[in-house]
């Protein structure tokens, strides 16, 4: 073994398959579909939160999406629509989708161990009929993602159980972690952020959430 541990790096599919020799657990194979079946629709419509992953020339991006349950709308068994709510205007996910339409979604439902996964391809639409259908608090999204579903499947509860994500005893006291203001202050040598940034945050979020 060299100093970089390269002897232990898996670099081929053959090496990987030799490491994981057990056959996939039966349901792990059969739960995958190429459409949103009625049971999967119920999971998607119950989720108030999803993680959206994209890729593009500059690399990968993964960002949170959240709204009241049902904010990801199932138009039919092959199509989802997602409003792009107001964010930080980095538009990293949208930049990626313009160049590479591949998209992956992971849905989380509070208190539920199973997660729902959807892979497909997305188009960015400014169709007024679509954007107006997602009006909330008097605000329209600038665009809507129209996702063509290629794969859909639920993920078992193991990760949620191991992480104790929904266990009240696992809730972290926010005061024990760095605040956005302190992080910005460190990154900018005090030119941005600080206690004032944190003090104004609740009102700033209230005014700009939609």
N, C-alpha and C. Protein backbone atom coordinates (compact mmCIF):
# COMPACT_ATOMS: atom_id res chain seq x y z
N UNK A 1 0.85 -1.21 0.00
CA UNK A 1 0.00 0.00 0.00
C UNK A 1 0.88 1.25 0.00
N UNK A 2 0.50 2.24 -0.88
CA UNK A 2 1.29 3.47 -0.89
C UNK A 2 0.77 4.44 0.16
N UNK A 3 1.43 5.58 0.26
CA UNK A 3 1.09 6.54 1.30
C UNK A 3 -0.28 7.17 1.14
N UNK A 4 -0.86 7.06 -0.06
CA UNK A 4 -2.16 7.67 -0.31
C UNK A 4 -3.32 6.68 -0.15
N UNK A 5 -3.00 5.45 0.20
CA UNK A 5 -4.05 4.45 0.39
C UNK A 5 -4.71 4.02 -0.90
N UNK A 6 -4.04 4.15 -2.05
CA UNK A 6 -4.65 3.83 -3.33
C UNK A 6 -5.00 2.35 -3.48
N UNK A 7 -4.32 1.48 -2.73
CA UNK A 7 -4.63 0.05 -2.81
C UNK A 7 -6.05 -0.24 -2.36
N UNK A 8 -6.64 0.67 -1.62
CA UNK A 8 -7.97 0.44 -1.07
C UNK A 8 -9.07 1.20 -1.82
N UNK A 9 -8.72 1.86 -2.91
CA UNK A 9 -9.70 2.64 -3.67
C UNK A 9 -10.39 1.76 -4.70
N UNK A 10 -11.72 1.74 -4.68
CA UNK A 10 -12.50 1.01 -5.67
C UNK A 10 -12.57 1.87 -6.92
N UNK A 11 -12.05 1.37 -8.04
CA UNK A 11 -11.97 2.18 -9.25
C UNK A 11 -12.62 1.53 -10.46
N UNK A 12 -13.15 0.30 -10.31
CA UNK A 12 -13.81 -0.38 -11.43
C UNK A 12 -15.13 -0.99 -10.95
N UNK A 13 -16.03 -1.18 -11.89
CA UNK A 13 -17.31 -1.83 -11.57
C UNK A 13 -17.08 -3.24 -11.07
N UNK A 14 -16.10 -3.92 -11.64
CA UNK A 14 -15.81 -5.30 -11.24
C UNK A 14 -15.39 -5.35 -9.77
N UNK A 15 -14.53 -4.43 -9.34
CA UNK A 15 -14.12 -4.38 -7.93
C UNK A 15 -15.32 -4.12 -7.03
N UNK A 16 -16.18 -3.22 -7.46
CA UNK A 16 -17.36 -2.88 -6.67
C UNK A 16 -18.28 -4.08 -6.51
N UNK A 17 -18.52 -4.80 -7.61
CA UNK A 17 -19.42 -5.96 -7.56
C UNK A 17 -18.80 -7.11 -6.77
N UNK A 18 -17.49 -7.19 -6.75
CA UNK A 18 -16.83 -8.21 -5.93
C UNK A 18 -16.94 -7.89 -4.44
N UNK A 19 -17.09 -6.60 -4.11
CA UNK A 19 -17.25 -6.19 -2.73
C UNK A 19 -18.68 -6.43 -2.25
N UNK A 20 -19.65 -6.14 -3.12
CA UNK A 20 -21.08 -6.31 -2.78
C UNK A 20 -21.62 -7.52 -3.53
N UNK A 21 -21.36 -8.69 -2.99
CA UNK A 21 -21.70 -9.93 -3.70
C UNK A 21 -23.13 -10.40 -3.45
N UNK A 22 -23.77 -9.90 -2.40
CA UNK A 22 -25.15 -10.32 -2.14
C UNK A 22 -26.07 -9.73 -3.20
N UNK A 23 -27.07 -10.52 -3.60
CA UNK A 23 -28.06 -10.03 -4.54
C UNK A 23 -28.90 -8.95 -3.89
N UNK A 24 -29.38 -7.98 -4.66
CA UNK A 24 -30.23 -6.93 -4.07
C UNK A 24 -31.45 -7.54 -3.39
N UNK A 25 -31.84 -6.94 -2.28
CA UNK A 25 -33.06 -7.35 -1.58
C UNK A 25 -34.23 -7.22 -2.54
N UNK A 26 -35.03 -8.27 -2.64
CA UNK A 26 -36.09 -8.35 -3.64
C UNK A 26 -36.91 -7.09 -3.84
N UNK A 27 -37.55 -6.57 -2.78
CA UNK A 27 -38.37 -5.36 -2.94
C UNK A 27 -37.57 -4.16 -3.46
N UNK A 28 -36.26 -4.12 -3.20
CA UNK A 28 -35.45 -3.00 -3.66
C UNK A 28 -35.43 -2.92 -5.18
N UNK A 29 -35.66 -4.05 -5.83
CA UNK A 29 -35.70 -4.11 -7.29
C UNK A 29 -37.11 -3.83 -7.79
N UNK A 30 -38.09 -4.49 -7.19
CA UNK A 30 -39.45 -4.42 -7.71
C UNK A 30 -40.17 -3.12 -7.38
N UNK A 31 -39.66 -2.35 -6.43
CA UNK A 31 -40.33 -1.10 -6.07
C UNK A 31 -40.09 0.01 -7.10
N UNK A 32 -39.11 -0.19 -8.00
CA UNK A 32 -38.80 0.84 -9.00
C UNK A 32 -39.77 0.76 -10.17
N UNK A 33 -40.33 1.92 -10.55
CA UNK A 33 -41.23 1.98 -11.69
C UNK A 33 -40.80 3.12 -12.61
N UNK A 34 -41.42 3.19 -13.78
CA UNK A 34 -41.14 4.28 -14.71
C UNK A 34 -42.25 5.32 -14.70
N UNK A 35 -43.06 5.29 -13.65
CA UNK A 35 -44.20 6.21 -13.57
C UNK A 35 -44.57 6.40 -12.10
N UNK A 36 -45.45 7.35 -11.85
CA UNK A 36 -45.94 7.59 -10.50
C UNK A 36 -47.23 6.80 -10.30
N UNK A 37 -47.12 5.67 -9.60
CA UNK A 37 -48.30 4.87 -9.33
C UNK A 37 -49.14 5.57 -8.26
N UNK A 38 -50.41 5.19 -8.08
CA UNK A 38 -51.26 5.89 -7.10
C UNK A 38 -50.67 5.94 -5.69
N UNK A 39 -50.02 4.86 -5.24
CA UNK A 39 -49.43 4.87 -3.90
C UNK A 39 -48.27 5.86 -3.82
N UNK A 40 -47.47 5.95 -4.87
CA UNK A 40 -46.37 6.91 -4.88
C UNK A 40 -46.90 8.33 -4.92
N UNK A 41 -48.00 8.52 -5.60
CA UNK A 41 -48.60 9.85 -5.65
C UNK A 41 -48.97 10.34 -4.24
N UNK A 42 -49.49 9.44 -3.43
CA UNK A 42 -49.86 9.81 -2.06
C UNK A 42 -48.64 10.27 -1.27
N UNK A 43 -47.50 9.60 -1.46
CA UNK A 43 -46.28 9.99 -0.76
C UNK A 43 -45.80 11.37 -1.21
N UNK A 44 -45.79 11.59 -2.53
CA UNK A 44 -45.34 12.87 -3.06
C UNK A 44 -46.23 14.01 -2.57
N UNK A 45 -47.54 13.78 -2.59
CA UNK A 45 -48.47 14.84 -2.22
C UNK A 45 -48.49 15.11 -0.72
N UNK A 46 -47.94 14.20 0.08
CA UNK A 46 -47.87 14.40 1.53
C UNK A 46 -46.59 15.10 1.95
N UNK A 47 -45.65 15.27 1.02
CA UNK A 47 -44.33 15.81 1.36
C UNK A 47 -44.31 17.33 1.27
N UNK A 48 -43.92 18.01 2.35
CA UNK A 48 -43.76 19.46 2.32
C UNK A 48 -42.32 19.88 1.99
N UNK A 49 -41.45 18.88 1.77
CA UNK A 49 -40.03 19.17 1.58
C UNK A 49 -39.42 18.18 0.60
N UNK A 50 -38.57 18.70 -0.28
CA UNK A 50 -37.86 17.84 -1.23
C UNK A 50 -36.46 18.38 -1.45
N UNK A 51 -35.53 17.49 -1.73
CA UNK A 51 -34.18 17.88 -2.11
C UNK A 51 -34.07 17.66 -3.61
N UNK A 52 -33.60 18.68 -4.31
CA UNK A 52 -33.53 18.66 -5.78
C UNK A 52 -32.07 18.65 -6.21
N UNK A 53 -31.70 17.65 -7.00
CA UNK A 53 -30.31 17.52 -7.47
C UNK A 53 -30.25 17.66 -8.98
N UNK A 54 -29.24 18.41 -9.43
CA UNK A 54 -29.03 18.63 -10.87
C UNK A 54 -27.54 18.55 -11.15
N UNK A 55 -27.20 18.54 -12.44
CA UNK A 55 -25.79 18.58 -12.83
C UNK A 55 -25.66 19.44 -14.08
N UNK A 56 -24.46 20.03 -14.24
CA UNK A 56 -24.20 20.90 -15.38
C UNK A 56 -22.72 21.03 -15.62
N UNK A 57 -22.34 21.86 -16.59
CA UNK A 57 -20.92 22.01 -16.93
C UNK A 57 -20.04 22.44 -15.76
N UNK A 58 -20.63 23.23 -14.84
CA UNK A 58 -19.84 23.68 -13.69
C UNK A 58 -19.82 22.67 -12.56
N UNK A 59 -20.60 21.61 -12.67
CA UNK A 59 -20.61 20.59 -11.63
C UNK A 59 -22.00 20.29 -11.13
N UNK A 60 -22.08 19.74 -9.93
CA UNK A 60 -23.33 19.28 -9.34
C UNK A 60 -23.95 20.35 -8.46
N UNK A 61 -25.26 20.21 -8.23
CA UNK A 61 -25.94 21.10 -7.31
C UNK A 61 -27.04 20.32 -6.60
N UNK A 62 -27.25 20.63 -5.35
CA UNK A 62 -28.30 19.98 -4.57
C UNK A 62 -28.92 21.05 -3.68
N UNK A 63 -30.24 21.26 -3.80
CA UNK A 63 -30.83 22.35 -3.06
C UNK A 63 -32.18 21.94 -2.48
N UNK A 64 -32.58 22.57 -1.37
CA UNK A 64 -33.85 22.24 -0.72
C UNK A 64 -35.02 22.97 -1.39
N UNK A 65 -36.17 22.32 -1.37
CA UNK A 65 -37.41 22.93 -1.84
C UNK A 65 -38.49 22.64 -0.81
N UNK A 66 -39.27 23.64 -0.45
CA UNK A 66 -40.29 23.42 0.56
C UNK A 66 -41.48 24.34 0.41
N UNK A 67 -42.64 23.83 0.75
CA UNK A 67 -43.90 24.56 0.68
C UNK A 67 -44.93 23.67 1.37
N UNK A 68 -46.18 24.10 1.48
CA UNK A 68 -47.19 23.20 2.07
C UNK A 68 -47.28 21.88 1.30
N UNK A 69 -47.66 20.80 1.97
CA UNK A 69 -47.79 19.49 1.31
C UNK A 69 -48.59 19.61 0.01
N UNK A 70 -48.12 18.92 -1.02
CA UNK A 70 -48.77 18.98 -2.32
C UNK A 70 -48.18 20.04 -3.22
N UNK A 71 -47.11 20.74 -2.76
CA UNK A 71 -46.53 21.79 -3.59
C UNK A 71 -45.89 21.22 -4.85
N UNK A 72 -45.45 19.96 -4.80
CA UNK A 72 -45.06 19.26 -6.02
C UNK A 72 -46.31 18.57 -6.53
N UNK A 73 -46.79 19.03 -7.66
CA UNK A 73 -48.08 18.59 -8.19
C UNK A 73 -47.88 17.45 -9.18
N UNK A 74 -48.68 16.41 -9.03
CA UNK A 74 -48.65 15.27 -9.94
C UNK A 74 -49.71 15.51 -11.02
N UNK A 75 -49.27 15.90 -12.23
CA UNK A 75 -50.23 16.14 -13.31
C UNK A 75 -50.78 14.84 -13.86
N UNK A 76 -49.90 13.87 -14.02
CA UNK A 76 -50.28 12.53 -14.45
C UNK A 76 -49.17 11.59 -14.02
N UNK A 77 -49.28 10.32 -14.36
CA UNK A 77 -48.31 9.34 -13.84
C UNK A 77 -46.90 9.53 -14.39
N UNK A 78 -46.76 10.38 -15.39
CA UNK A 78 -45.42 10.61 -15.95
C UNK A 78 -44.94 12.05 -15.78
N UNK A 79 -45.73 12.91 -15.11
CA UNK A 79 -45.38 14.33 -15.08
C UNK A 79 -45.59 14.95 -13.70
N UNK A 80 -44.54 15.62 -13.20
CA UNK A 80 -44.62 16.43 -11.98
C UNK A 80 -44.37 17.89 -12.35
N UNK A 81 -44.97 18.81 -11.59
CA UNK A 81 -44.67 20.23 -11.77
C UNK A 81 -44.32 20.82 -10.41
N UNK A 82 -43.28 21.67 -10.42
CA UNK A 82 -42.73 22.22 -9.18
C UNK A 82 -42.54 23.72 -9.33
N UNK A 83 -43.15 24.54 -8.47
CA UNK A 83 -42.93 25.98 -8.56
C UNK A 83 -41.53 26.34 -8.07
N UNK A 84 -40.90 27.29 -8.74
CA UNK A 84 -39.61 27.77 -8.26
C UNK A 84 -39.86 29.01 -7.41
N UNK A 85 -39.95 28.82 -6.11
CA UNK A 85 -40.23 29.92 -5.20
C UNK A 85 -39.01 30.83 -5.06
N UNK A 86 -39.26 31.98 -4.49
CA UNK A 86 -38.20 32.97 -4.34
C UNK A 86 -37.06 32.41 -3.51
N UNK A 87 -35.84 32.60 -3.99
CA UNK A 87 -34.67 32.10 -3.28
C UNK A 87 -33.61 33.17 -3.18
N UNK A 88 -32.35 32.76 -3.36
CA UNK A 88 -31.24 33.71 -3.22
C UNK A 88 -30.75 34.25 -4.56
N UNK A 89 -31.43 33.88 -5.64
CA UNK A 89 -31.10 34.32 -7.00
C UNK A 89 -29.77 33.80 -7.53
N UNK A 90 -29.20 32.79 -6.88
CA UNK A 90 -28.03 32.13 -7.46
C UNK A 90 -28.44 31.31 -8.68
N UNK A 91 -29.66 30.80 -8.67
CA UNK A 91 -30.27 29.97 -9.73
C UNK A 91 -29.33 28.85 -10.22
N UNK A 92 -28.58 28.26 -9.30
CA UNK A 92 -27.66 27.19 -9.67
C UNK A 92 -28.39 26.01 -10.31
N UNK A 93 -29.50 25.58 -9.69
CA UNK A 93 -30.24 24.44 -10.24
C UNK A 93 -30.78 24.75 -11.62
N UNK A 94 -31.32 25.95 -11.79
CA UNK A 94 -31.90 26.32 -13.09
C UNK A 94 -30.81 26.45 -14.16
N UNK A 95 -29.66 27.01 -13.79
CA UNK A 95 -28.55 27.08 -14.75
C UNK A 95 -28.18 25.69 -15.25
N UNK A 96 -28.15 24.74 -14.31
CA UNK A 96 -27.82 23.37 -14.70
C UNK A 96 -28.87 22.79 -15.64
N UNK A 97 -30.14 22.97 -15.30
CA UNK A 97 -31.21 22.35 -16.08
C UNK A 97 -31.30 22.90 -17.50
N UNK A 98 -30.92 24.15 -17.70
CA UNK A 98 -30.92 24.71 -19.04
C UNK A 98 -29.95 23.95 -19.95
N UNK A 99 -28.84 23.49 -19.38
CA UNK A 99 -27.82 22.78 -20.16
C UNK A 99 -27.94 21.27 -20.08
N UNK A 100 -28.45 20.76 -18.96
CA UNK A 100 -28.58 19.32 -18.76
C UNK A 100 -29.89 19.07 -18.03
N UNK A 101 -30.90 18.50 -18.68
CA UNK A 101 -32.24 18.40 -18.09
C UNK A 101 -32.39 17.33 -17.02
N UNK A 102 -31.36 16.54 -16.77
CA UNK A 102 -31.50 15.47 -15.79
C UNK A 102 -31.73 16.04 -14.39
N UNK A 103 -32.64 15.40 -13.66
CA UNK A 103 -33.02 15.88 -12.34
C UNK A 103 -33.32 14.70 -11.43
N UNK A 104 -33.04 14.88 -10.14
CA UNK A 104 -33.34 13.84 -9.15
C UNK A 104 -33.98 14.52 -7.94
N UNK A 105 -35.02 13.90 -7.42
CA UNK A 105 -35.77 14.45 -6.29
C UNK A 105 -35.84 13.45 -5.15
N UNK A 106 -35.68 13.93 -3.94
CA UNK A 106 -35.84 13.12 -2.75
C UNK A 106 -36.86 13.80 -1.85
N UNK A 107 -38.00 13.15 -1.61
CA UNK A 107 -39.09 13.72 -0.82
C UNK A 107 -39.04 13.23 0.62
N UNK A 108 -39.21 14.17 1.56
CA UNK A 108 -39.26 13.84 2.98
C UNK A 108 -40.62 14.22 3.55
N UNK A 109 -41.18 13.32 4.37
CA UNK A 109 -42.46 13.55 5.02
C UNK A 109 -42.21 13.53 6.53
N UNK A 110 -42.53 14.60 7.24
CA UNK A 110 -42.26 14.65 8.69
C UNK A 110 -42.87 13.45 9.42
N UNK A 111 -42.04 12.80 10.23
CA UNK A 111 -42.52 11.68 11.03
C UNK A 111 -42.57 10.35 10.31
N UNK A 112 -42.28 10.35 9.00
CA UNK A 112 -42.36 9.12 8.20
C UNK A 112 -40.96 8.64 7.85
N UNK A 113 -40.71 7.34 8.02
CA UNK A 113 -39.39 6.80 7.77
C UNK A 113 -39.05 6.62 6.30
N UNK A 114 -40.05 6.25 5.51
CA UNK A 114 -39.79 6.06 4.09
C UNK A 114 -39.62 7.41 3.39
N UNK A 115 -38.70 7.46 2.44
CA UNK A 115 -38.56 8.63 1.59
C UNK A 115 -38.94 8.22 0.17
N UNK A 116 -39.24 9.20 -0.65
CA UNK A 116 -39.67 8.94 -2.03
C UNK A 116 -38.67 9.56 -2.98
N UNK A 117 -38.27 8.78 -3.99
CA UNK A 117 -37.27 9.26 -4.94
C UNK A 117 -37.82 9.25 -6.36
N UNK A 118 -37.51 10.30 -7.09
CA UNK A 118 -37.93 10.41 -8.49
C UNK A 118 -36.75 10.92 -9.31
N UNK A 119 -36.46 10.23 -10.40
CA UNK A 119 -35.45 10.68 -11.36
C UNK A 119 -36.13 10.94 -12.69
N UNK A 120 -35.65 11.94 -13.40
CA UNK A 120 -36.25 12.23 -14.69
C UNK A 120 -35.55 13.37 -15.39
N UNK A 121 -36.32 14.07 -16.23
CA UNK A 121 -35.79 15.21 -16.97
C UNK A 121 -36.75 16.38 -16.82
N UNK A 122 -36.19 17.58 -16.70
CA UNK A 122 -37.02 18.74 -16.41
C UNK A 122 -36.87 19.83 -17.47
N UNK A 123 -37.99 20.52 -17.71
CA UNK A 123 -38.00 21.72 -18.53
C UNK A 123 -38.42 22.89 -17.64
N UNK A 124 -37.90 24.06 -17.94
CA UNK A 124 -38.24 25.27 -17.20
C UNK A 124 -39.31 26.02 -17.98
N UNK A 125 -40.49 26.17 -17.39
CA UNK A 125 -41.61 26.78 -18.09
C UNK A 125 -42.04 28.09 -17.43
N UNK A 126 -42.37 29.09 -18.26
CA UNK A 126 -42.94 30.35 -17.78
C UNK A 126 -44.39 30.48 -18.23
N UNK A 127 -45.01 29.39 -18.61
CA UNK A 127 -46.41 29.38 -19.04
C UNK A 127 -47.27 30.05 -17.97
N UNK A 128 -47.95 31.15 -18.31
CA UNK A 128 -48.76 31.86 -17.31
C UNK A 128 -49.80 30.98 -16.64
N UNK A 129 -50.37 30.04 -17.37
CA UNK A 129 -51.37 29.16 -16.76
C UNK A 129 -50.76 28.34 -15.63
N UNK A 130 -49.51 27.95 -15.83
CA UNK A 130 -48.83 27.17 -14.79
C UNK A 130 -48.41 28.05 -13.62
N UNK A 131 -47.73 29.15 -13.91
CA UNK A 131 -47.25 30.00 -12.82
C UNK A 131 -48.41 30.55 -12.00
N UNK A 132 -49.50 30.95 -12.67
CA UNK A 132 -50.65 31.49 -11.95
C UNK A 132 -51.34 30.44 -11.09
N UNK A 133 -51.22 29.17 -11.48
CA UNK A 133 -51.85 28.11 -10.68
C UNK A 133 -51.11 27.86 -9.38
N UNK A 134 -49.90 28.42 -9.26
CA UNK A 134 -49.10 28.23 -8.05
C UNK A 134 -49.00 29.51 -7.22
N UNK A 135 -49.91 30.45 -7.44
CA UNK A 135 -49.88 31.69 -6.67
C UNK A 135 -50.05 31.37 -5.19
N UNK A 136 -49.25 32.04 -4.35
CA UNK A 136 -49.32 31.82 -2.90
C UNK A 136 -49.01 33.13 -2.22
N UNK A 137 -49.85 33.52 -1.27
CA UNK A 137 -49.70 34.82 -0.61
C UNK A 137 -49.62 35.96 -1.62
N UNK A 138 -50.35 35.80 -2.72
CA UNK A 138 -50.37 36.83 -3.75
C UNK A 138 -49.15 36.88 -4.64
N UNK A 139 -48.23 35.93 -4.47
CA UNK A 139 -46.98 35.93 -5.25
C UNK A 139 -46.95 34.73 -6.19
N UNK A 140 -46.50 34.99 -7.43
CA UNK A 140 -46.35 33.94 -8.43
C UNK A 140 -44.88 33.53 -8.52
N UNK A 141 -44.62 32.24 -8.76
CA UNK A 141 -43.24 31.86 -9.05
C UNK A 141 -42.85 32.38 -10.43
N UNK A 142 -41.59 32.71 -10.62
CA UNK A 142 -41.15 33.19 -11.93
C UNK A 142 -41.20 32.09 -12.98
N UNK A 143 -41.02 30.86 -12.53
CA UNK A 143 -41.09 29.74 -13.47
C UNK A 143 -41.52 28.48 -12.73
N UNK A 144 -41.81 27.45 -13.49
CA UNK A 144 -42.23 26.16 -12.95
C UNK A 144 -41.41 25.07 -13.63
N UNK A 145 -40.96 24.11 -12.86
CA UNK A 145 -40.24 22.97 -13.43
C UNK A 145 -41.26 21.90 -13.82
N UNK A 146 -41.19 21.45 -15.06
CA UNK A 146 -42.05 20.38 -15.55
C UNK A 146 -41.16 19.14 -15.69
N UNK A 147 -41.39 18.17 -14.83
CA UNK A 147 -40.51 17.00 -14.75
C UNK A 147 -41.16 15.79 -15.41
N UNK A 148 -40.48 15.22 -16.38
CA UNK A 148 -40.91 13.96 -16.97
C UNK A 148 -40.27 12.83 -16.17
N UNK A 149 -41.10 12.00 -15.57
CA UNK A 149 -40.63 10.94 -14.68
C UNK A 149 -40.05 9.78 -15.48
N UNK A 150 -38.84 9.37 -15.11
CA UNK A 150 -38.22 8.19 -15.72
C UNK A 150 -38.11 7.03 -14.74
N UNK A 151 -37.87 7.36 -13.47
CA UNK A 151 -37.81 6.35 -12.43
C UNK A 151 -38.46 6.89 -11.16
N UNK A 152 -39.19 6.03 -10.47
CA UNK A 152 -39.80 6.41 -9.20
C UNK A 152 -39.75 5.22 -8.27
N UNK A 153 -39.34 5.46 -7.04
CA UNK A 153 -39.30 4.37 -6.06
C UNK A 153 -39.18 4.93 -4.66
N UNK A 154 -39.67 4.16 -3.69
CA UNK A 154 -39.52 4.60 -2.30
C UNK A 154 -38.25 4.01 -1.70
N UNK A 155 -37.70 4.73 -0.74
CA UNK A 155 -36.50 4.27 -0.03
C UNK A 155 -36.93 3.79 1.34
N UNK A 156 -36.37 2.67 1.79
CA UNK A 156 -36.77 2.11 3.08
C UNK A 156 -36.33 3.02 4.23
N UNK A 157 -36.69 2.64 5.43
CA UNK A 157 -36.56 3.52 6.60
C UNK A 157 -35.17 3.52 7.26
N UNK A 158 -34.25 2.69 6.80
CA UNK A 158 -32.99 2.50 7.53
C UNK A 158 -32.26 3.81 7.83
N UNK A 159 -32.11 4.68 6.83
CA UNK A 159 -31.34 5.91 7.04
C UNK A 159 -32.02 6.81 8.07
N UNK A 160 -33.35 6.91 8.00
CA UNK A 160 -34.07 7.76 8.95
C UNK A 160 -33.98 7.18 10.36
N UNK A 161 -34.07 5.85 10.47
CA UNK A 161 -33.97 5.20 11.78
C UNK A 161 -32.57 5.41 12.37
N UNK A 162 -31.54 5.19 11.54
CA UNK A 162 -30.17 5.34 12.04
C UNK A 162 -29.89 6.78 12.47
N UNK A 163 -30.41 7.74 11.71
CA UNK A 163 -30.14 9.15 12.01
C UNK A 163 -31.01 9.70 13.13
N UNK A 164 -32.12 8.97 13.44
CA UNK A 164 -33.11 9.44 14.42
C UNK A 164 -33.61 10.84 14.05
N UNK A 165 -33.80 11.05 12.75
CA UNK A 165 -34.14 12.37 12.25
C UNK A 165 -35.42 12.93 12.86
N UNK A 166 -36.42 12.07 13.03
CA UNK A 166 -37.71 12.57 13.54
C UNK A 166 -37.87 12.35 15.05
N UNK A 167 -36.83 11.87 15.72
CA UNK A 167 -36.89 11.63 17.15
C UNK A 167 -36.75 12.96 17.90
N UNK A 168 -37.75 13.37 18.67
CA UNK A 168 -37.66 14.65 19.40
C UNK A 168 -36.42 14.75 20.27
N UNK A 169 -35.93 13.61 20.76
CA UNK A 169 -34.74 13.63 21.61
C UNK A 169 -33.48 14.01 20.83
N UNK A 170 -33.56 13.95 19.49
CA UNK A 170 -32.40 14.26 18.66
C UNK A 170 -32.35 15.71 18.22
N UNK A 171 -33.36 16.47 18.58
CA UNK A 171 -33.40 17.88 18.17
C UNK A 171 -32.19 18.63 18.74
N UNK A 172 -31.51 19.35 17.87
CA UNK A 172 -30.30 20.08 18.25
C UNK A 172 -30.67 21.50 18.67
N UNK A 173 -30.11 21.95 19.76
CA UNK A 173 -30.31 23.33 20.21
C UNK A 173 -29.60 24.26 19.22
N UNK A 174 -30.37 25.07 18.51
CA UNK A 174 -29.79 25.95 17.47
C UNK A 174 -28.69 26.85 18.04
N UNK A 175 -28.79 27.18 19.31
CA UNK A 175 -27.82 28.09 19.92
C UNK A 175 -26.42 27.48 20.03
N UNK A 176 -26.32 26.16 19.85
CA UNK A 176 -25.03 25.50 19.96
C UNK A 176 -24.24 25.53 18.65
N UNK A 177 -24.86 26.04 17.58
CA UNK A 177 -24.22 26.02 16.26
C UNK A 177 -23.99 27.44 15.74
N UNK A 178 -23.06 27.60 14.79
CA UNK A 178 -22.81 28.93 14.24
C UNK A 178 -24.06 29.51 13.58
N UNK A 179 -24.26 30.80 13.71
CA UNK A 179 -25.38 31.48 13.07
C UNK A 179 -24.97 31.94 11.67
N UNK A 180 -25.95 32.21 10.79
CA UNK A 180 -25.60 32.76 9.47
C UNK A 180 -24.75 34.03 9.58
N UNK A 181 -25.09 34.88 10.55
CA UNK A 181 -24.32 36.12 10.72
C UNK A 181 -22.88 35.87 11.08
N UNK A 182 -22.64 34.90 11.98
CA UNK A 182 -21.26 34.62 12.40
C UNK A 182 -20.46 33.97 11.27
N UNK A 183 -21.14 33.14 10.47
CA UNK A 183 -20.45 32.51 9.34
C UNK A 183 -20.05 33.56 8.30
N UNK A 184 -20.98 34.45 7.97
CA UNK A 184 -20.68 35.50 7.00
C UNK A 184 -19.56 36.40 7.50
N UNK A 185 -19.60 36.72 8.79
CA UNK A 185 -18.56 37.57 9.35
C UNK A 185 -17.19 36.93 9.23
N UNK A 186 -17.12 35.64 9.47
CA UNK A 186 -15.83 34.94 9.36
C UNK A 186 -15.35 34.90 7.92
N UNK A 187 -16.27 34.66 6.98
CA UNK A 187 -15.89 34.53 5.58
C UNK A 187 -15.48 35.87 4.96
N UNK A 188 -16.01 36.97 5.50
CA UNK A 188 -15.75 38.29 4.90
C UNK A 188 -14.90 39.18 5.78
N UNK A 189 -14.26 38.61 6.78
CA UNK A 189 -13.44 39.40 7.72
C UNK A 189 -14.25 40.54 8.33
N UNK A 190 -15.51 40.24 8.64
CA UNK A 190 -16.33 41.21 9.32
C UNK A 190 -17.02 42.23 8.44
N UNK A 191 -16.83 42.15 7.13
CA UNK A 191 -17.45 43.13 6.23
C UNK A 191 -18.95 42.88 6.06
N UNK A 192 -19.38 41.64 6.28
CA UNK A 192 -20.79 41.29 6.20
C UNK A 192 -21.15 40.46 7.43
N UNK A 193 -22.46 40.31 7.65
CA UNK A 193 -22.92 39.43 8.72
C UNK A 193 -22.85 40.08 10.09
N UNK A 194 -22.55 39.24 11.07
CA UNK A 194 -22.49 39.72 12.44
C UNK A 194 -23.84 39.66 13.13
N UNK A 195 -23.90 40.08 14.38
CA UNK A 195 -25.14 40.02 15.17
C UNK A 195 -26.32 40.75 14.53
N UNK A 196 -26.04 41.86 13.84
CA UNK A 196 -27.14 42.63 13.23
C UNK A 196 -27.81 41.82 12.12
N UNK A 197 -27.02 41.08 11.38
CA UNK A 197 -27.58 40.22 10.33
C UNK A 197 -28.53 39.20 10.94
N UNK A 198 -28.14 38.59 12.03
CA UNK A 198 -28.99 37.60 12.69
C UNK A 198 -30.23 38.25 13.30
N UNK A 199 -30.07 39.44 13.84
CA UNK A 199 -31.21 40.12 14.46
C UNK A 199 -32.29 40.45 13.44
N UNK A 200 -31.88 40.81 12.23
CA UNK A 200 -32.82 41.20 11.19
C UNK A 200 -33.38 40.00 10.42
N UNK A 201 -32.81 38.83 10.63
CA UNK A 201 -33.17 37.66 9.82
C UNK A 201 -34.66 37.31 9.86
N UNK A 202 -35.31 37.24 11.03
CA UNK A 202 -36.73 36.85 11.03
C UNK A 202 -37.61 37.75 10.18
N UNK A 203 -37.43 39.05 10.29
CA UNK A 203 -38.24 39.99 9.50
C UNK A 203 -37.86 39.91 8.03
N UNK A 204 -36.57 39.74 7.73
CA UNK A 204 -36.12 39.64 6.35
C UNK A 204 -36.74 38.42 5.67
N UNK A 205 -36.75 37.30 6.38
CA UNK A 205 -37.36 36.09 5.83
C UNK A 205 -38.85 36.27 5.64
N UNK A 206 -39.49 36.89 6.61
CA UNK A 206 -40.93 37.13 6.53
C UNK A 206 -41.28 37.93 5.29
N UNK A 207 -40.46 38.94 4.98
CA UNK A 207 -40.75 39.83 3.87
C UNK A 207 -40.38 39.23 2.51
N UNK A 208 -39.49 38.25 2.49
CA UNK A 208 -38.99 37.75 1.20
C UNK A 208 -39.26 36.27 0.95
N UNK A 209 -40.08 35.63 1.79
CA UNK A 209 -40.24 34.19 1.68
C UNK A 209 -40.98 33.80 0.39
N UNK A 210 -41.85 34.68 -0.12
CA UNK A 210 -42.56 34.39 -1.38
C UNK A 210 -42.37 35.56 -2.35
